[in-house]
Amino acid sequence: MKKWGVILLTAVLVALILSPFASTHPDGLERVAENLAFAEKGSSPVAWFSPMPDYVVRGISDGKISTAMAGVIGTFITFIVVFGVMKALSPGRR
């Protein structure tokens, strides 16, 4: 369990430190949509709820802090999912 704790702590620290430096430019799909002039079609109401749209946490006005928190939250959720799957799939260790 200690190894998983170190991995989680490292992942959270990396997300916390590097998230504020994420590019403000659109990703590849958004860029192609802009270049081919169909980006506005993606601005209609979405069918799915997004807890952190555009990698920001609602209620935090500082952009860098909001992005860093989104990175930490996303890293933590991903870790929990991967940890759960690994535990479920590991033979004899339940």
PDB file of N, CA and C in Angstrom:
ATOM      1  N   MET A   1       0.828  -1.207   0.000  1.00  0.00           N
ATOM      2  CA  MET A   1       0.000   0.000   0.000  1.00  0.00           C
ATOM      3  C   MET A   1       0.863   1.257   0.000  1.00  0.00           C
ATOM      4  N   LYS A   2       2.030   1.170   0.639  1.00  0.00           N
ATOM      5  CA  LYS A   2       2.905   2.342   0.703  1.00  0.00           C
ATOM      6  C   LYS A   2       3.330   2.788  -0.696  1.00  0.00           C
ATOM      7  N   LYS A   3       3.607   1.809  -1.569  1.00  0.00           N
ATOM      8  CA  LYS A   3       4.007   2.126  -2.943  1.00  0.00           C
ATOM      9  C   LYS A   3       2.911   2.918  -3.651  1.00  0.00           C
ATOM     10  N   TRP A   4       1.646   2.523  -3.468  1.00  0.00           N
ATOM     11  CA  TRP A   4       0.533   3.231  -4.100  1.00  0.00           C
ATOM     12  C   TRP A   4       0.411   4.651  -3.568  1.00  0.00           C
ATOM     13  N   GLY A   5       0.695   4.832  -2.289  1.00  0.00           N
ATOM     14  CA  GLY A   5       0.644   6.170  -1.694  1.00  0.00           C
ATOM     15  C   GLY A   5       1.692   7.090  -2.296  1.00  0.00           C
ATOM     16  N   VAL A   6       2.891   6.555  -2.503  1.00  0.00           N
ATOM     17  CA  VAL A   6       3.965   7.344  -3.117  1.00  0.00           C
ATOM     18  C   VAL A   6       3.607   7.691  -4.557  1.00  0.00           C
ATOM     19  N   ILE A   7       3.047   6.728  -5.276  1.00  0.00           N
ATOM     20  CA  ILE A   7       2.643   6.973  -6.664  1.00  0.00           C
ATOM     21  C   ILE A   7       1.563   8.047  -6.717  1.00  0.00           C
ATOM     22  N   LEU A   8       0.559   7.947  -5.841  1.00  0.00           N
ATOM     23  CA  LEU A   8      -0.512   8.945  -5.808  1.00  0.00           C
ATOM     24  C   LEU A   8       0.034  10.322  -5.458  1.00  0.00           C
ATOM     25  N   LEU A   9       0.868  10.402  -4.440  1.00  0.00           N
ATOM     26  CA  LEU A   9       1.441  11.687  -4.037  1.00  0.00           C
ATOM     27  C   LEU A   9       2.259  12.300  -5.168  1.00  0.00           C
ATOM     28  N   THR A  10       3.053  11.499  -5.845  1.00  0.00           N
ATOM     29  CA  THR A  10       3.852  11.996  -6.966  1.00  0.00           C
ATOM     30  C   THR A  10       2.956  12.504  -8.090  1.00  0.00           C
ATOM     31  N   ALA A  11       1.928  11.746  -8.429  1.00  0.00           N
ATOM     32  CA  ALA A  11       1.013  12.158  -9.501  1.00  0.00           C
ATOM     33  C   ALA A  11       0.288  13.449  -9.148  1.00  0.00           C
ATOM     34  N   VAL A  12      -0.160  13.574  -7.900  1.00  0.00           N
ATOM     35  CA  VAL A  12      -0.865  14.786  -7.474  1.00  0.00           C
ATOM     36  C   VAL A  12       0.075  15.986  -7.493  1.00  0.00           C
ATOM     37  N   LEU A  13       1.302  15.815  -7.025  1.00  0.00           N
ATOM     38  CA  LEU A  13       2.262  16.924  -7.042  1.00  0.00           C
ATOM     39  C   LEU A  13       2.586  17.362  -8.467  1.00  0.00           C
ATOM     40  N   VAL A  14       2.767  16.406  -9.359  1.00  0.00           N
ATOM     41  CA  VAL A  14       3.034  16.747 -10.759  1.00  0.00           C
ATOM     42  C   VAL A  14       1.847  17.510 -11.344  1.00  0.00           C
ATOM     43  N   ALA A  15       0.631  17.037 -11.091  1.00  0.00           N
ATOM     44  CA  ALA A  15      -0.564  17.726 -11.599  1.00  0.00           C
ATOM     45  C   ALA A  15      -0.677  19.119 -11.008  1.00  0.00           C
ATOM     46  N   LEU A  16      -0.421  19.246  -9.726  1.00  0.00           N
ATOM     47  CA  LEU A  16      -0.531  20.535  -9.047  1.00  0.00           C
ATOM     48  C   LEU A  16       0.483  21.539  -9.582  1.00  0.00           C
ATOM     49  N   ILE A  17       1.686  21.082  -9.820  1.00  0.00           N
ATOM     50  CA  ILE A  17       2.753  21.986 -10.261  1.00  0.00           C
ATOM     51  C   ILE A  17       2.654  22.297 -11.752  1.00  0.00           C
ATOM     52  N   LEU A  18       2.344  21.303 -12.575  1.00  0.00           N
ATOM     53  CA  LEU A  18       2.378  21.500 -14.027  1.00  0.00           C
ATOM     54  C   LEU A  18       1.069  21.985 -14.636  1.00  0.00           C
ATOM     55  N   SER A  19      -0.063  21.750 -13.995  1.00  0.00           N
ATOM     56  CA  SER A  19      -1.358  22.153 -14.566  1.00  0.00           C
ATOM     57  C   SER A  19      -1.451  23.633 -14.909  1.00  0.00           C
ATOM     58  N   PRO A  20      -0.957  24.537 -14.051  1.00  0.00           N
ATOM     59  CA  PRO A  20      -1.064  25.961 -14.397  1.00  0.00           C
ATOM     60  C   PRO A  20      -0.288  26.349 -15.658  1.00  0.00           C
ATOM     61  N   PHE A  21       0.639  25.504 -16.084  1.00  0.00           N
ATOM     62  CA  PHE A  21       1.432  25.807 -17.270  1.00  0.00           C
ATOM     63  C   PHE A  21       0.852  25.180 -18.535  1.00  0.00           C
ATOM     64  N   ALA A  22      -0.323  24.581 -18.427  1.00  0.00           N
ATOM     65  CA  ALA A  22      -0.960  23.965 -19.595  1.00  0.00           C
ATOM     66  C   ALA A  22      -1.210  25.024 -20.664  1.00  0.00           C
ATOM     67  N   SER A  23      -1.171  24.607 -21.889  1.00  0.00           N
ATOM     68  CA  SER A  23      -1.344  25.526 -23.011  1.00  0.00           C
ATOM     69  C   SER A  23      -2.734  26.149 -23.012  1.00  0.00           C
ATOM     70  N   THR A  24      -2.789  27.429 -23.315  1.00  0.00           N
ATOM     71  CA  THR A  24      -4.074  28.118 -23.443  1.00  0.00           C
ATOM     72  C   THR A  24      -4.596  28.034 -24.874  1.00  0.00           C
ATOM     73  N   HIS A  25      -3.790  27.468 -25.768  1.00  0.00           N
ATOM     74  CA  HIS A  25      -4.206  27.303 -27.158  1.00  0.00           C
ATOM     75  C   HIS A  25      -5.148  26.110 -27.267  1.00  0.00           C
ATOM     76  N   PRO A  26      -6.026  26.122 -28.255  1.00  0.00           N
ATOM     77  CA  PRO A  26      -6.955  25.000 -28.398  1.00  0.00           C
ATOM     78  C   PRO A  26      -6.216  23.705 -28.721  1.00  0.00           C
ATOM     79  N   ASP A  27      -6.823  22.582 -28.317  1.00  0.00           N
ATOM     80  CA  ASP A  27      -6.212  21.303 -28.647  1.00  0.00           C
ATOM     81  C   ASP A  27      -6.412  21.007 -30.134  1.00  0.00           C
ATOM     82  N   GLY A  28      -5.906  19.878 -30.591  1.00  0.00           N
ATOM     83  CA  GLY A  28      -5.945  19.554 -32.014  1.00  0.00           C
ATOM     84  C   GLY A  28      -7.335  19.534 -32.610  1.00  0.00           C
ATOM     85  N   LEU A  29      -8.282  18.911 -31.910  1.00  0.00           N
ATOM     86  CA  LEU A  29      -9.644  18.827 -32.431  1.00  0.00           C
ATOM     87  C   LEU A  29     -10.290  20.208 -32.516  1.00  0.00           C
ATOM     88  N   GLU A  30     -10.108  21.025 -31.483  1.00  0.00           N
ATOM     89  CA  GLU A  30     -10.659  22.387 -31.512  1.00  0.00           C
ATOM     90  C   GLU A  30     -10.020  23.206 -32.629  1.00  0.00           C
ATOM     91  N   ARG A  31      -8.729  23.019 -32.825  1.00  0.00           N
ATOM     92  CA  ARG A  31      -8.019  23.766 -33.871  1.00  0.00           C
ATOM     93  C   ARG A  31      -8.548  23.414 -35.264  1.00  0.00           C
ATOM     94  N   VAL A  32      -8.749  22.130 -35.514  1.00  0.00           N
ATOM     95  CA  VAL A  32      -9.291  21.695 -36.806  1.00  0.00           C
ATOM     96  C   VAL A  32     -10.704  22.242 -36.988  1.00  0.00           C
ATOM     97  N   ALA A  33     -11.507  22.213 -35.919  1.00  0.00           N
ATOM     98  CA  ALA A  33     -12.876  22.746 -35.994  1.00  0.00           C
ATOM     99  C   ALA A  33     -12.859  24.234 -36.325  1.00  0.00           C
ATOM    100  N   GLU A  34     -11.910  24.971 -35.749  1.00  0.00           N
ATOM    101  CA  GLU A  34     -11.789  26.399 -36.066  1.00  0.00           C
ATOM    102  C   GLU A  34     -11.330  26.601 -37.507  1.00  0.00           C
ATOM    103  N   ASN A  35     -10.331  25.832 -37.933  1.00  0.00           N
ATOM    104  CA  ASN A  35      -9.801  25.969 -39.294  1.00  0.00           C
ATOM    105  C   ASN A  35     -10.842  25.637 -40.359  1.00  0.00           C
ATOM    106  N   LEU A  36     -11.689  24.659 -40.090  1.00  0.00           N
ATOM    107  CA  LEU A  36     -12.694  24.238 -41.062  1.00  0.00           C
ATOM    108  C   LEU A  36     -14.049  24.896 -40.818  1.00  0.00           C
ATOM    109  N   ALA A  37     -14.083  25.845 -39.911  1.00  0.00           N
ATOM    110  CA  ALA A  37     -15.253  26.696 -39.635  1.00  0.00           C
ATOM    111  C   ALA A  37     -16.498  25.941 -39.183  1.00  0.00           C
ATOM    112  N   PHE A  38     -16.311  24.919 -38.351  1.00  0.00           N
ATOM    113  CA  PHE A  38     -17.489  24.286 -37.766  1.00  0.00           C
ATOM    114  C   PHE A  38     -17.414  24.244 -36.237  1.00  0.00           C
ATOM    115  N   ALA A  39     -16.555  25.067 -35.662  1.00  0.00           N
ATOM    116  CA  ALA A  39     -16.401  25.102 -34.206  1.00  0.00           C
ATOM    117  C   ALA A  39     -17.667  25.573 -33.507  1.00  0.00           C
ATOM    118  N   GLU A  40     -18.409  26.471 -34.149  1.00  0.00           N
ATOM    119  CA  GLU A  40     -19.625  27.001 -33.513  1.00  0.00           C
ATOM    120  C   GLU A  40     -20.686  25.927 -33.318  1.00  0.00           C
ATOM    121  N   LYS A  41     -20.625  24.857 -34.093  1.00  0.00           N
ATOM    122  CA  LYS A  41     -21.598  23.771 -33.927  1.00  0.00           C
ATOM    123  C   LYS A  41     -21.392  23.042 -32.602  1.00  0.00           C
ATOM    124  N   GLY A  42     -20.199  23.116 -32.074  1.00  0.00           N
ATOM    125  CA  GLY A  42     -19.911  22.477 -30.794  1.00  0.00           C
ATOM    126  C   GLY A  42     -20.293  23.318 -29.603  1.00  0.00           C
ATOM    127  N   SER A  43     -20.782  24.524 -29.831  1.00  0.00           N
ATOM    128  CA  SER A  43     -21.134  25.394 -28.712  1.00  0.00           C
ATOM    129  C   SER A  43     -22.594  25.272 -28.305  1.00  0.00           C
ATOM    130  N   SER A  44     -23.341  24.400 -28.977  1.00  0.00           N
ATOM    131  CA  SER A  44     -24.740  24.196 -28.597  1.00  0.00           C
ATOM    132  C   SER A  44     -24.786  23.446 -27.265  1.00  0.00           C
ATOM    133  N   PRO A  45     -25.936  23.438 -26.608  1.00  0.00           N
ATOM    134  CA  PRO A  45     -26.018  22.745 -25.312  1.00  0.00           C
ATOM    135  C   PRO A  45     -25.589  21.282 -25.432  1.00  0.00           C
ATOM    136  N   VAL A  46     -24.797  20.849 -24.494  1.00  0.00           N
ATOM    137  CA  VAL A  46     -24.287  19.481 -24.528  1.00  0.00           C
ATOM    138  C   VAL A  46     -25.244  18.534 -23.819  1.00  0.00           C
ATOM    139  N   ALA A  47     -25.212  17.290 -24.235  1.00  0.00           N
ATOM    140  CA  ALA A  47     -26.096  16.289 -23.651  1.00  0.00           C
ATOM    141  C   ALA A  47     -25.537  15.739 -22.342  1.00  0.00           C
ATOM    142  N   TRP A  48     -24.242  15.873 -22.138  1.00  0.00           N
ATOM    143  CA  TRP A  48     -23.593  15.318 -20.953  1.00  0.00           C
ATOM    144  C   TRP A  48     -23.193  16.425 -19.997  1.00  0.00           C
ATOM    145  N   PHE A  49     -23.246  16.131 -18.721  1.00  0.00           N
ATOM    146  CA  PHE A  49     -22.786  17.055 -17.685  1.00  0.00           C
ATOM    147  C   PHE A  49     -21.271  16.974 -17.594  1.00  0.00           C
ATOM    148  N   SER A  50     -20.618  18.098 -17.569  1.00  0.00           N
ATOM    149  CA  SER A  50     -19.169  18.139 -17.426  1.00  0.00           C
ATOM    150  C   SER A  50     -18.829  18.777 -16.085  1.00  0.00           C
ATOM    151  N   PRO A  51     -18.241  18.028 -15.169  1.00  0.00           N
ATOM    152  CA  PRO A  51     -17.946  18.589 -13.854  1.00  0.00           C
ATOM    153  C   PRO A  51     -16.864  19.667 -13.888  1.00  0.00           C
ATOM    154  N   MET A  52     -15.956  19.595 -14.860  1.00  0.00           N
ATOM    155  CA  MET A  52     -14.886  20.587 -14.967  1.00  0.00           C
ATOM    156  C   MET A  52     -14.682  20.988 -16.427  1.00  0.00           C
ATOM    157  N   PRO A  53     -15.628  21.750 -16.989  1.00  0.00           N
ATOM    158  CA  PRO A  53     -15.483  22.139 -18.395  1.00  0.00           C
ATOM    159  C   PRO A  53     -14.252  23.013 -18.604  1.00  0.00           C
ATOM    160  N   ASP A  54     -13.537  22.753 -19.675  1.00  0.00           N
ATOM    161  CA  ASP A  54     -12.310  23.488 -20.015  1.00  0.00           C
ATOM    162  C   ASP A  54     -11.278  23.451 -18.899  1.00  0.00           C
ATOM    163  N   TYR A  55     -11.282  22.384 -18.115  1.00  0.00           N
ATOM    164  CA  TYR A  55     -10.278  22.146 -17.073  1.00  0.00           C
ATOM    165  C   TYR A  55     -10.234  23.244 -16.018  1.00  0.00           C
ATOM    166  N   VAL A  56     -11.396  23.723 -15.610  1.00  0.00           N
ATOM    167  CA  VAL A  56     -11.480  24.694 -14.514  1.00  0.00           C
ATOM    168  C   VAL A  56     -12.515  24.194 -13.507  1.00  0.00           C
ATOM    169  N   VAL A  57     -12.322  24.594 -12.259  1.00  0.00           N
ATOM    170  CA  VAL A  57     -13.245  24.231 -11.191  1.00  0.00           C
ATOM    171  C   VAL A  57     -14.146  25.427 -10.932  1.00  0.00           C
ATOM    172  N   ARG A  58     -15.449  25.205 -11.008  1.00  0.00           N
ATOM    173  CA  ARG A  58     -16.393  26.296 -10.768  1.00  0.00           C
ATOM    174  C   ARG A  58     -16.222  26.828  -9.350  1.00  0.00           C
ATOM    175  N   GLY A  59     -16.350  28.135  -9.210  1.00  0.00           N
ATOM    176  CA  GLY A  59     -16.277  28.756  -7.900  1.00  0.00           C
ATOM    177  C   GLY A  59     -14.892  29.251  -7.526  1.00  0.00           C
ATOM    178  N   ILE A  60     -13.887  28.899  -8.305  1.00  0.00           N
ATOM    179  CA  ILE A  60     -12.530  29.391  -8.058  1.00  0.00           C
ATOM    180  C   ILE A  60     -12.223  30.399  -9.152  1.00  0.00           C
ATOM    181  N   SER A  61     -12.097  31.666  -8.762  1.00  0.00           N
ATOM    182  CA  SER A  61     -11.959  32.727  -9.761  1.00  0.00           C
ATOM    183  C   SER A  61     -10.548  32.833 -10.336  1.00  0.00           C
ATOM    184  N   ASP A  62      -9.530  32.464  -9.583  1.00  0.00           N
ATOM    185  CA  ASP A  62      -8.151  32.531 -10.075  1.00  0.00           C
ATOM    186  C   ASP A  62      -7.934  31.392 -11.071  1.00  0.00           C
ATOM    187  N   GLY A  63      -7.628  31.742 -12.318  1.00  0.00           N
ATOM    188  CA  GLY A  63      -7.496  30.753 -13.383  1.00  0.00           C
ATOM    189  C   GLY A  63      -6.430  29.709 -13.141  1.00  0.00           C
ATOM    190  N   LYS A  64      -5.266  30.123 -12.667  1.00  0.00           N
ATOM    191  CA  LYS A  64      -4.170  29.171 -12.443  1.00  0.00           C
ATOM    192  C   LYS A  64      -4.502  28.204 -11.306  1.00  0.00           C
ATOM    193  N   ILE A  65      -5.090  28.722 -10.234  1.00  0.00           N
ATOM    194  CA  ILE A  65      -5.461  27.856  -9.109  1.00  0.00           C
ATOM    195  C   ILE A  65      -6.577  26.904  -9.528  1.00  0.00           C
ATOM    196  N   SER A  66      -7.538  27.416 -10.275  1.00  0.00           N
ATOM    197  CA  SER A  66      -8.649  26.597 -10.739  1.00  0.00           C
ATOM    198  C   SER A  66      -8.161  25.467 -11.641  1.00  0.00           C
ATOM    199  N   THR A  67      -7.240  25.779 -12.545  1.00  0.00           N
ATOM    200  CA  THR A  67      -6.683  24.763 -13.439  1.00  0.00           C
ATOM    201  C   THR A  67      -5.867  23.743 -12.659  1.00  0.00           C
ATOM    202  N   ALA A  68      -5.082  24.213 -11.689  1.00  0.00           N
ATOM    203  CA  ALA A  68      -4.290  23.301 -10.862  1.00  0.00           C
ATOM    204  C   ALA A  68      -5.197  22.359 -10.081  1.00  0.00           C
ATOM    205  N   MET A  69      -6.273  22.887  -9.523  1.00  0.00           N
ATOM    206  CA  MET A  69      -7.206  22.049  -8.771  1.00  0.00           C
ATOM    207  C   MET A  69      -7.896  21.037  -9.685  1.00  0.00           C
ATOM    208  N   ALA A  70      -8.234  21.455 -10.899  1.00  0.00           N
ATOM    209  CA  ALA A  70      -8.835  20.523 -11.859  1.00  0.00           C
ATOM    210  C   ALA A  70      -7.854  19.394 -12.172  1.00  0.00           C
ATOM    211  N   GLY A  71      -6.580  19.733 -12.308  1.00  0.00           N
ATOM    212  CA  GLY A  71      -5.554  18.718 -12.550  1.00  0.00           C
ATOM    213  C   GLY A  71      -5.430  17.744 -11.397  1.00  0.00           C
ATOM    214  N   VAL A  72      -5.444  18.268 -10.179  1.00  0.00           N
ATOM    215  CA  VAL A  72      -5.342  17.418  -8.988  1.00  0.00           C
ATOM    216  C   VAL A  72      -6.572  16.517  -8.867  1.00  0.00           C
ATOM    217  N   ILE A  73      -7.751  17.089  -9.044  1.00  0.00           N
ATOM    218  CA  ILE A  73      -8.987  16.305  -8.938  1.00  0.00           C
ATOM    219  C   ILE A  73      -9.026  15.216 -10.009  1.00  0.00           C
ATOM    220  N   GLY A  74      -8.675  15.582 -11.245  1.00  0.00           N
ATOM    221  CA  GLY A  74      -8.654  14.595 -12.324  1.00  0.00           C
ATOM    222  C   GLY A  74      -7.644  13.491 -12.076  1.00  0.00           C
ATOM    223  N   THR A  75      -6.472  13.852 -11.566  1.00  0.00           N
ATOM    224  CA  THR A  75      -5.445  12.863 -11.250  1.00  0.00           C
ATOM    225  C   THR A  75      -5.927  11.923 -10.159  1.00  0.00           C
ATOM    226  N   PHE A  76      -6.542  12.482  -9.123  1.00  0.00           N
ATOM    227  CA  PHE A  76      -7.031  11.674  -8.010  1.00  0.00           C
ATOM    228  C   PHE A  76      -8.121  10.703  -8.473  1.00  0.00           C
ATOM    229  N   ILE A  77      -9.057  11.186  -9.266  1.00  0.00           N
ATOM    230  CA  ILE A  77     -10.131  10.319  -9.763  1.00  0.00           C
ATOM    231  C   ILE A  77      -9.563   9.207 -10.644  1.00  0.00           C
ATOM    232  N   THR A  78      -8.630   9.563 -11.524  1.00  0.00           N
ATOM    233  CA  THR A  78      -8.002   8.564 -12.386  1.00  0.00           C
ATOM    234  C   THR A  78      -7.265   7.523 -11.556  1.00  0.00           C
ATOM    235  N   PHE A  79      -6.548   7.969 -10.529  1.00  0.00           N
ATOM    236  CA  PHE A  79      -5.817   7.050  -9.662  1.00  0.00           C
ATOM    237  C   PHE A  79      -6.774   6.073  -8.981  1.00  0.00           C
ATOM    238  N   ILE A  80      -7.877   6.591  -8.446  1.00  0.00           N
ATOM    239  CA  ILE A  80      -8.842   5.738  -7.751  1.00  0.00           C
ATOM    240  C   ILE A  80      -9.409   4.683  -8.704  1.00  0.00           C
ATOM    241  N   VAL A  81      -9.740   5.086  -9.922  1.00  0.00           N
ATOM    242  CA  VAL A  81     -10.280   4.136 -10.902  1.00  0.00           C
ATOM    243  C   VAL A  81      -9.239   3.070 -11.242  1.00  0.00           C
ATOM    244  N   VAL A  82      -8.010   3.488 -11.537  1.00  0.00           N
ATOM    245  CA  VAL A  82      -6.952   2.536 -11.889  1.00  0.00           C
ATOM    246  C   VAL A  82      -6.654   1.617 -10.706  1.00  0.00           C
ATOM    247  N   PHE A  83      -6.566   2.170  -9.514  1.00  0.00           N
ATOM    248  CA  PHE A  83      -6.300   1.376  -8.319  1.00  0.00           C
ATOM    249  C   PHE A  83      -7.399   0.332  -8.126  1.00  0.00           C
ATOM    250  N   GLY A  84      -8.652   0.740  -8.278  1.00  0.00           N
ATOM    251  CA  GLY A  84      -9.769  -0.191  -8.128  1.00  0.00           C
ATOM    252  C   GLY A  84      -9.742  -1.302  -9.154  1.00  0.00           C
ATOM    253  N   VAL A  85      -9.458  -0.959 -10.402  1.00  0.00           N
ATOM    254  CA  VAL A  85      -9.381  -1.972 -11.459  1.00  0.00           C
ATOM    255  C   VAL A  85      -8.228  -2.933 -11.188  1.00  0.00           C
ATOM    256  N   MET A  86      -7.082  -2.394 -10.792  1.00  0.00           N
ATOM    257  CA  MET A  86      -5.923  -3.248 -10.505  1.00  0.00           C
ATOM    258  C   MET A  86      -6.213  -4.197  -9.344  1.00  0.00           C
ATOM    259  N   LYS A  87      -6.869  -3.696  -8.316  1.00  0.00           N
ATOM    260  CA  LYS A  87      -7.216  -4.542  -7.171  1.00  0.00           C
ATOM    261  C   LYS A  87      -8.199  -5.632  -7.595  1.00  0.00           C
ATOM    262  N   ALA A  88      -9.170  -5.260  -8.412  1.00  0.00           N
ATOM    263  CA  ALA A  88     -10.174  -6.227  -8.853  1.00  0.00           C
ATOM    264  C   ALA A  88      -9.569  -7.305  -9.751  1.00  0.00           C
ATOM    265  N   LEU A  89      -8.562  -6.938 -10.531  1.00  0.00           N
ATOM    266  CA  LEU A  89      -7.966  -7.882 -11.475  1.00  0.00           C
ATOM    267  C   LEU A  89      -6.790  -8.664 -10.915  1.00  0.00           C
ATOM    268  N   SER A  90      -6.251  -8.248  -9.776  1.00  0.00           N
ATOM    269  CA  SER A  90      -5.083  -8.945  -9.242  1.00  0.00           C
ATOM    270  C   SER A  90      -5.514 -10.291  -8.655  1.00  0.00           C
ATOM    271  N   PRO A  91      -4.869 -11.365  -9.085  1.00  0.00           N
ATOM    272  CA  PRO A  91      -5.276 -12.699  -8.643  1.00  0.00           C
ATOM    273  C   PRO A  91      -4.893 -12.958  -7.181  1.00  0.00           C
ATOM    274  N   GLY A  92      -5.835 -13.497  -6.428  1.00  0.00           N
ATOM    275  CA  GLY A  92      -5.558 -13.915  -5.062  1.00  0.00           C
ATOM    276  C   GLY A  92      -5.399 -12.822  -4.031  1.00  0.00           C
ATOM    277  N   ARG A  93      -5.545 -11.566  -4.394  1.00  0.00           N
ATOM    278  CA  ARG A  93      -5.350 -10.470  -3.434  1.00  0.00           C
ATOM    279  C   ARG A  93      -6.623  -9.658  -3.352  1.00  0.00           C
ATOM    280  N   ARG A  94      -7.617 -10.154  -2.681  1.00  0.00           N
ATOM    281  CA  ARG A  94      -8.904  -9.449  -2.585  1.00  0.00           C
ATOM    282  C   ARG A  94      -9.202  -9.084  -1.171  1.00  0.00           C
TER     283      ARG A  94
END
